[in-house]
Protein backbone atom coordinates (compact mmCIF):
# COMPACT_ATOMS: atom_id res chain seq x y z
CA UNK A 1 -2.73 -47.59 6.67
CA UNK A 2 -5.75 -46.64 4.69
CA UNK A 3 -5.70 -43.12 3.04
CA UNK A 4 -9.05 -41.42 2.63
CA UNK A 5 -9.23 -38.55 0.11
CA UNK A 6 -12.56 -36.71 0.78
CA UNK A 7 -13.91 -34.55 -2.00
CA UNK A 8 -16.53 -32.65 -0.04
CA UNK A 9 -16.61 -30.96 3.39
CA UNK A 10 -19.19 -33.43 4.55
CA UNK A 11 -17.03 -36.37 3.43
CA UNK A 12 -14.05 -34.88 5.44
CA UNK A 13 -16.27 -34.37 8.49
CA UNK A 14 -17.19 -38.06 8.32
CA UNK A 15 -13.54 -38.99 8.13
CA UNK A 16 -12.76 -36.87 11.16
CA UNK A 17 -15.68 -38.41 13.15
CA UNK A 18 -14.32 -41.95 12.26
CA UNK A 19 -10.94 -41.04 13.71
CA UNK A 20 -8.95 -40.47 10.59
CA UNK A 21 -5.59 -38.72 11.22
CA UNK A 22 -5.21 -35.62 9.10
CA UNK A 23 -1.96 -35.49 7.00
CA UNK A 24 -0.55 -33.27 4.23
CA UNK A 25 2.72 -34.26 2.77
CA UNK A 26 3.46 -36.14 5.99
CA UNK A 27 6.96 -34.57 6.02
CA UNK A 28 6.65 -34.11 9.81
CA UNK A 29 4.95 -37.44 10.61
CA UNK A 30 6.75 -40.05 8.63
CA UNK A 31 9.63 -40.52 11.11
CA UNK A 32 7.24 -40.65 14.06
CA UNK A 33 5.10 -43.20 12.44
CA UNK A 34 8.07 -45.37 11.52
CA UNK A 35 9.00 -45.27 15.20
CA UNK A 36 5.58 -45.55 16.94
CA UNK A 37 3.45 -47.27 14.24
CA UNK A 38 1.19 -46.07 11.47
CA UNK A 39 -2.44 -45.04 12.09
CA UNK A 40 -5.14 -47.29 10.72
CA UNK A 41 -6.76 -44.51 8.86
CA UNK A 42 -5.42 -41.17 7.55
CA UNK A 43 -7.07 -38.31 5.66
CA UNK A 44 -5.60 -35.96 3.12
CA UNK A 45 -7.42 -32.89 1.78
CA UNK A 46 -5.60 -32.73 -1.48
CA UNK A 47 -8.82 -33.55 -3.39
CA UNK A 48 -10.99 -31.15 -1.38
CA UNK A 49 -11.59 -27.78 -3.27
CA UNK A 50 -12.04 -25.64 -0.25
CA UNK A 51 -8.55 -26.75 0.97
CA UNK A 52 -6.81 -25.99 -2.25
CA UNK A 53 -7.70 -22.29 -3.02
CA UNK A 54 -4.84 -20.13 -4.09
CA UNK A 55 -5.78 -16.56 -4.48
CA UNK A 56 -4.59 -13.01 -3.69
CA UNK A 57 -6.57 -12.99 -0.47
CA UNK A 58 -6.64 -16.76 0.53
CA UNK A 59 -4.57 -19.94 0.39
CA UNK A 60 -5.86 -23.42 1.33
CA UNK A 61 -4.37 -25.62 4.00
CA UNK A 62 -3.62 -28.44 1.45
CA UNK A 63 -1.69 -26.16 -0.83
CA UNK A 64 1.91 -27.48 -1.08
CA UNK A 65 4.60 -24.74 -0.45
CA UNK A 66 6.17 -24.80 -3.88
CA UNK A 67 2.90 -23.59 -5.47
CA UNK A 68 2.96 -20.35 -3.50
CA UNK A 69 3.66 -17.74 -6.14
CA UNK A 70 2.87 -14.13 -6.94
CA UNK A 71 -0.83 -14.92 -6.40
CA UNK A 72 -0.19 -14.43 -2.74
CA UNK A 73 1.33 -11.46 -0.83
CA UNK A 74 5.19 -11.40 -0.82
CA UNK A 75 5.33 -12.24 2.83
CA UNK A 76 3.73 -15.59 2.29
CA UNK A 77 5.40 -16.18 -0.91
CA UNK A 78 8.88 -15.51 0.43
CA UNK A 79 8.20 -17.48 3.59
CA UNK A 80 7.16 -20.57 1.69
CA UNK A 81 10.21 -20.30 -0.59
CA UNK A 82 12.57 -20.46 2.34
CA UNK A 83 11.12 -23.65 4.07
CA UNK A 84 13.40 -26.65 3.81
CA UNK A 85 14.58 -27.95 0.48
CA UNK A 86 12.96 -28.07 -2.82
CA UNK A 87 11.83 -31.73 -2.19
CA UNK A 88 10.28 -30.65 1.13
CA UNK A 89 8.41 -27.79 -0.55
CA UNK A 90 7.01 -30.06 -3.18
CA UNK A 91 5.38 -32.09 -0.42
CA UNK A 92 4.88 -29.93 2.73
CA UNK A 93 1.57 -28.14 2.94
CA UNK A 94 0.44 -24.71 4.42
CA UNK A 95 -1.62 -26.52 7.10
CA UNK A 96 1.28 -28.84 7.96
CA UNK A 97 3.67 -25.90 8.40
CA UNK A 98 1.47 -23.65 10.57
CA UNK A 99 -0.51 -26.35 12.48
CA UNK A 100 1.81 -29.28 12.58
CA UNK A 101 5.38 -27.81 12.83
CA UNK A 102 7.12 -26.36 15.80
CA UNK A 103 9.01 -23.91 13.67
CA UNK A 104 5.96 -22.51 11.81
CA UNK A 105 7.98 -20.53 9.29
CA UNK A 106 4.69 -19.35 7.67
CA UNK A 107 3.13 -18.18 10.96
CA UNK A 108 4.83 -14.69 11.07
CA UNK A 109 3.71 -13.98 7.47
CA UNK A 110 0.14 -15.00 8.28
CA UNK A 111 0.19 -12.83 11.47
CA UNK A 112 1.34 -9.61 9.72
CA UNK A 113 -1.38 -10.29 7.07
CA UNK A 114 -3.99 -10.40 9.93
CA UNK A 115 -5.07 -13.67 8.51
CA UNK A 116 -8.18 -15.55 9.77
CA UNK A 117 -8.52 -19.28 9.62
CA UNK A 118 -11.29 -21.54 8.42
CA UNK A 119 -11.02 -24.79 10.25
CA UNK A 120 -12.85 -28.16 9.91
CA UNK A 121 -14.26 -30.06 12.90
CA UNK A 122 -16.38 -33.12 13.17
CA UNK A 123 -19.47 -30.97 13.66
CA UNK A 124 -18.79 -28.37 10.98
CA UNK A 125 -16.66 -25.56 9.61
CA UNK A 126 -15.90 -22.29 11.51
CA UNK A 127 -13.64 -19.27 11.47
CA UNK A 128 -11.04 -18.68 14.18
CA UNK A 129 -8.00 -16.55 14.76
CA UNK A 130 -4.28 -17.78 14.52
CA UNK A 131 -3.90 -17.94 18.28
CA UNK A 132 -6.58 -20.60 18.52
CA UNK A 133 -5.42 -22.31 15.42
CA UNK A 134 -1.83 -22.82 16.74
CA UNK A 135 -3.09 -23.63 20.29
CA UNK A 136 -5.75 -26.21 19.56
CA UNK A 137 -4.39 -27.41 16.16
CA UNK A 138 -7.65 -28.10 14.32
CA UNK A 139 -7.67 -29.13 10.59
CA UNK A 140 -6.94 -26.02 8.54
CA UNK A 141 -9.13 -25.53 5.48
CA UNK A 142 -7.85 -22.12 4.50
CA UNK A 143 -6.31 -18.91 5.53
CA UNK A 144 -8.05 -15.66 4.36
CA UNK A 145 -6.84 -11.94 4.75
CA UNK A 146 -7.33 -8.51 3.44
CA UNK A 147 -4.64 -7.79 0.86
CA UNK A 148 -2.03 -5.35 2.24
CA UNK A 149 -0.42 -2.45 0.58
CA UNK A 150 2.97 -4.11 0.79
CA UNK A 151 4.56 -7.02 2.80
CA UNK A 152 7.98 -8.66 3.24
CA UNK A 153 9.61 -11.62 4.82
CA UNK A 154 13.19 -12.29 5.87
CA UNK A 155 14.84 -15.37 7.40
CA UNK A 156 18.36 -15.12 8.60
CA UNK A 157 20.86 -18.01 7.89
CA UNK A 158 20.94 -20.52 10.76
CA UNK A 159 23.75 -22.77 12.02
CA UNK A 160 23.42 -26.46 11.70
CA UNK A 161 22.22 -27.95 15.05
CA UNK A 162 21.76 -24.44 16.37
CA UNK A 163 18.55 -22.47 17.41
CA UNK A 164 16.06 -21.63 14.81
CA UNK A 165 17.04 -18.68 12.60
CA UNK A 166 15.50 -15.32 13.16
CA UNK A 167 12.43 -14.64 11.04
CA UNK A 168 10.88 -11.26 10.53
CA UNK A 169 7.66 -10.53 8.57
CA UNK A 170 6.19 -7.14 8.02
CA UNK A 171 3.15 -5.59 6.23
CA UNK A 172 1.61 -2.30 5.77
CA UNK A 173 -2.23 -2.16 5.65
CA UNK A 174 -4.64 0.61 4.76
CA UNK A 175 -8.14 0.96 6.13
CA UNK A 176 -11.24 2.33 4.21
CA UNK A 177 -10.34 5.88 5.31
CA UNK A 178 -6.81 5.66 3.89
CA UNK A 179 -4.97 5.41 7.21
CA UNK A 180 -2.07 3.09 7.19
CA UNK A 181 -0.77 0.65 9.89
CA UNK A 182 2.54 -1.36 10.08
CA UNK A 183 2.33 -4.98 11.45
CA UNK A 184 5.53 -6.89 12.38
CA UNK A 185 5.87 -10.40 13.54
CA UNK A 186 9.22 -11.92 14.70
CA UNK A 187 10.17 -15.47 15.38
CA UNK A 188 12.99 -15.30 17.89
CA UNK A 189 13.93 -18.96 18.86
CA UNK A 190 10.69 -20.85 18.95
CA UNK A 191 8.65 -17.73 20.17
CA UNK A 192 6.66 -15.58 17.88
CA UNK A 193 6.16 -11.87 18.85
CA UNK A 194 3.94 -9.46 17.04
CA UNK A 195 3.02 -5.84 17.22
CA UNK A 196 1.63 -2.95 15.21
CA UNK A 197 1.89 0.75 14.96
CA UNK A 198 0.08 3.54 13.10
CA UNK A 199 2.16 4.75 10.22
CA UNK A 200 3.25 8.37 10.85
CA UNK A 201 4.33 10.79 8.15
CA UNK A 202 7.88 10.24 9.32
CA UNK A 203 9.12 6.67 9.20
CA UNK A 204 11.33 7.21 12.24
CA UNK A 205 8.30 8.12 14.35
CA UNK A 206 6.66 4.80 13.29
CA UNK A 207 9.61 2.80 14.20
CA UNK A 208 9.87 4.47 17.57
CA UNK A 209 6.29 3.71 18.24
CA UNK A 210 6.82 0.11 17.25
CA UNK A 211 9.98 -0.30 19.45
CA UNK A 212 7.74 0.60 22.51
CA UNK A 213 5.35 -2.32 21.87
CA UNK A 214 5.79 -6.08 22.57
CA UNK A 215 9.02 -5.97 20.66
CA UNK A 216 10.69 -3.91 23.36
CA UNK A 217 12.71 -6.86 24.70
CA UNK A 218 14.11 -7.90 21.34
CA UNK A 219 17.91 -8.06 21.21
CA UNK A 220 19.65 -5.16 19.42
CA UNK A 221 20.55 -7.54 16.62
CA UNK A 222 17.03 -8.64 16.13
CA UNK A 223 15.79 -5.18 16.26
CA UNK A 224 18.24 -4.07 13.62
CA UNK A 225 16.67 -6.57 11.24
CA UNK A 226 13.15 -5.53 12.16
CA UNK A 227 14.05 -1.87 11.58
CA UNK A 228 15.65 -2.52 8.31
CA UNK A 229 12.59 -4.49 6.88
CA UNK A 230 10.08 -2.14 8.32
CA UNK A 231 11.88 0.98 7.11
CA UNK A 232 12.04 -0.54 3.59
CA UNK A 233 8.22 -0.94 3.52
CA UNK A 234 7.76 2.46 4.95
CA UNK A 235 9.79 4.08 2.32
């Protein structure tokens, strides 16, 4: 297998046009390749500056998870810290987790940050939303968002061989007029649900409004976790 390491967007476009298979840490691909055969050409973005940004309002798709620190909001930092083992986090990338994984532990955090994705295609770079990103799985260059007032992430303990553990991410955002809105995303099994509600003066009113959204069918146990995490952000 030939590994290409493009250093510019134009080089990366050329690699894609030539059929190179995008990889990050290949933590999700190695077993499949050992079974089905390795591609002739692969492409890593680890030398591409646009895919390695790590800032308060952006993270590159090639950033490995163990580098996610307090430069990013708490929701993303905590999500990355709870993916796999330390060895996995030193190899797995943001793009691999959100685009290549079925669990997508970082996705709820990205959703509550209202993140937008910059993606690389053979004919150029464009911006898209997370729905299209996870449905079409293009090459992720970076995620960008508007910094929240506060955010959080929680992942319950799971049983070995059991269903994916419940994940809850939450964030409070303020608009230019100072109005606040609570966004929540829940991974329940393999499904990710999300909703938002305007922050009322009373936290209970906000939680009541949130309960009447797409989260209405959550189990009582899952809702208790959502309520706890959301209430902590609302104060």
